[in-house]
Amino acid sequence: MKLFLKKIIVYAVLTILLIVLINLISDPAKVFSDKIEIEIANYISEGLNVSISSNLNERVLQEKIIQGIKNRPDVVILGSSRIMQIGTMYYGSNTFNSGVSGASLEDIISIFKIYDLNGKTPSKIVLGIDPW
């Protein structure tokens, strides 16, 4: 009976370790890697358009884009997805939209702080105010 219990415990531990190892290597939720966000940020910083067919962390993407911007924007637009359509046609060519889906006040403050920490504090900020 003791031998049987030892075998069960060993197999259970090995199975759990195998599952953890596979998830760490493949990282399906992109928890341990922001490689795709860096790649997309590089394309956007070069002025290219990007079409994405999978989920990604928009907040990390905004951080990488801000770090890749060469010049300080005059106008930065912050808010949720409702404000993502606003851009250079309203505020001039040196405008950058940093809207993220479902943005909360904490997201807006955090994204502004990223601009500030990278020495790219804009002269004008446009805030999208949502009911939540």
Protein backbone atom coordinates (compact mmCIF):
# COMPACT_ATOMS: atom_id res chain seq x y z
CA MET A 1 0.00 0.00 0.00
CA LYS A 2 2.83 2.41 0.83
CA LEU A 3 4.52 1.66 -2.49
CA PHE A 4 1.27 2.39 -4.32
CA LEU A 5 0.88 5.77 -2.56
CA LYS A 6 4.51 6.69 -3.32
CA LYS A 7 3.98 5.90 -7.01
CA ILE A 8 0.79 7.96 -7.12
CA ILE A 9 2.54 10.95 -5.48
CA VAL A 10 5.57 10.71 -7.80
CA TYR A 11 3.38 10.48 -10.92
CA ALA A 12 1.17 13.35 -9.74
CA VAL A 13 4.17 15.59 -9.06
CA LEU A 14 5.77 14.70 -12.41
CA THR A 15 2.49 15.37 -14.23
CA ILE A 16 2.08 18.76 -12.55
CA LEU A 17 5.70 19.68 -13.32
CA LEU A 18 5.22 18.68 -16.95
CA ILE A 19 2.10 20.84 -17.25
CA VAL A 20 3.88 23.82 -15.65
CA LEU A 21 6.92 23.36 -17.91
CA ILE A 22 4.80 23.20 -21.07
CA ASN A 23 2.91 26.36 -20.06
CA LEU A 24 6.12 28.21 -19.25
CA ILE A 25 7.67 27.30 -22.59
CA SER A 26 4.64 28.02 -24.77
CA ASP A 27 3.28 30.93 -22.65
CA PRO A 28 -0.15 30.95 -24.35
CA ALA A 29 -1.40 33.95 -22.35
CA LYS A 30 1.83 35.92 -22.97
CA VAL A 31 2.28 36.44 -19.24
CA PHE A 32 6.06 36.01 -19.23
CA SER A 33 6.89 37.61 -22.57
CA ASP A 34 6.04 40.94 -24.17
CA LYS A 35 7.88 40.17 -27.41
CA ILE A 36 4.80 40.72 -29.61
CA GLU A 37 4.13 44.12 -28.01
CA ILE A 38 7.74 45.20 -28.64
CA GLU A 39 7.53 44.07 -32.27
CA ILE A 40 4.23 45.92 -32.83
CA ALA A 41 5.55 49.04 -31.08
CA ASN A 42 8.57 49.06 -33.41
CA TYR A 43 6.30 48.93 -36.48
CA ILE A 44 4.06 51.71 -35.14
CA SER A 45 7.10 53.86 -34.23
CA GLU A 46 8.24 53.55 -37.86
CA GLY A 47 4.87 54.91 -38.99
CA LEU A 48 3.51 51.62 -40.28
CA ASN A 49 -0.02 50.32 -39.78
CA VAL A 50 -0.50 47.08 -37.86
CA SER A 51 -3.39 44.62 -37.96
CA ILE A 52 -3.59 42.24 -35.00
CA SER A 53 -5.65 39.06 -34.94
CA SER A 54 -4.89 38.00 -31.37
CA ASN A 55 -5.21 39.42 -27.89
CA LEU A 56 -2.39 41.49 -26.47
CA ASN A 57 -1.75 43.70 -23.49
CA GLU A 58 -2.56 47.21 -24.73
CA ARG A 59 -1.03 48.84 -21.66
CA VAL A 60 2.35 47.18 -22.27
CA LEU A 61 2.03 48.09 -25.95
CA GLN A 62 1.49 51.75 -25.07
CA GLU A 63 4.56 51.67 -22.81
CA LYS A 64 6.73 50.22 -25.59
CA ILE A 65 5.37 52.71 -28.15
CA ILE A 66 6.06 55.68 -25.86
CA GLN A 67 9.60 54.45 -25.25
CA GLY A 68 10.09 54.20 -29.03
CA ILE A 69 8.81 57.68 -29.89
CA LYS A 70 11.69 59.86 -31.04
CA ASN A 71 10.13 63.33 -30.58
CA ARG A 72 7.96 64.66 -27.80
CA PRO A 73 4.35 64.95 -29.05
CA ASP A 74 2.58 68.30 -28.68
CA VAL A 75 -0.79 66.68 -27.99
CA VAL A 76 -1.47 63.33 -26.32
CA ILE A 77 -4.94 61.82 -26.31
CA LEU A 78 -5.72 59.58 -23.32
CA GLY A 79 -8.84 57.54 -22.66
CA SER A 80 -10.73 54.39 -23.47
CA SER A 81 -11.53 52.84 -26.84
CA ARG A 82 -14.13 55.54 -27.47
CA ILE A 83 -11.34 58.07 -28.00
CA MET A 84 -9.15 55.88 -30.23
CA GLN A 85 -10.65 57.38 -33.41
CA ILE A 86 -9.43 60.91 -32.61
CA GLY A 87 -6.07 61.81 -34.08
CA THR A 88 -4.08 64.22 -36.21
CA MET A 89 -7.10 65.53 -38.16
CA TYR A 90 -8.30 67.40 -35.05
CA TYR A 91 -5.10 68.41 -33.27
CA GLY A 92 -2.33 68.61 -35.88
CA SER A 93 0.44 66.35 -37.10
CA ASN A 94 2.34 66.08 -33.83
CA THR A 95 -0.50 64.29 -32.02
CA PHE A 96 -0.33 60.84 -30.46
CA ASN A 97 -3.33 58.79 -29.36
CA SER A 98 -2.64 56.58 -26.33
CA GLY A 99 -6.16 55.25 -25.81
CA VAL A 100 -6.57 51.72 -24.44
CA SER A 101 -9.66 49.52 -24.31
CA GLY A 102 -11.63 49.87 -21.10
CA ALA A 103 -9.32 52.54 -19.70
CA SER A 104 -9.84 53.52 -16.08
CA LEU A 105 -8.50 56.56 -14.28
CA GLU A 106 -5.53 54.48 -13.14
CA ASP A 107 -4.70 53.59 -16.77
CA ILE A 108 -4.80 57.24 -17.82
CA ILE A 109 -2.55 58.30 -14.94
CA SER A 110 -0.14 55.43 -15.59
CA ILE A 111 0.18 56.17 -19.31
CA PHE A 112 0.74 59.86 -18.60
CA LYS A 113 3.40 58.90 -16.05
CA ILE A 114 5.18 56.81 -18.72
CA TYR A 115 5.34 59.91 -20.94
CA ASP A 116 6.67 61.93 -18.00
CA LEU A 117 9.31 59.36 -16.97
CA ASN A 118 10.60 59.09 -20.57
CA GLY A 119 11.00 62.87 -20.86
CA LYS A 120 8.20 63.20 -23.40
CA THR A 121 5.65 65.18 -21.40
CA PRO A 122 3.24 66.78 -23.89
CA SER A 123 2.23 70.43 -23.82
CA LYS A 124 -1.46 69.54 -24.21
CA ILE A 125 -3.48 66.51 -23.04
CA VAL A 126 -6.92 65.51 -24.29
CA LEU A 127 -8.82 63.26 -21.87
CA GLY A 128 -11.71 61.02 -22.83
CA ILE A 129 -14.08 60.94 -19.89
CA ASP A 130 -16.29 57.85 -19.70
CA PRO A 131 -19.14 57.13 -17.28
CA TRP A 132 -17.15 54.54 -15.37
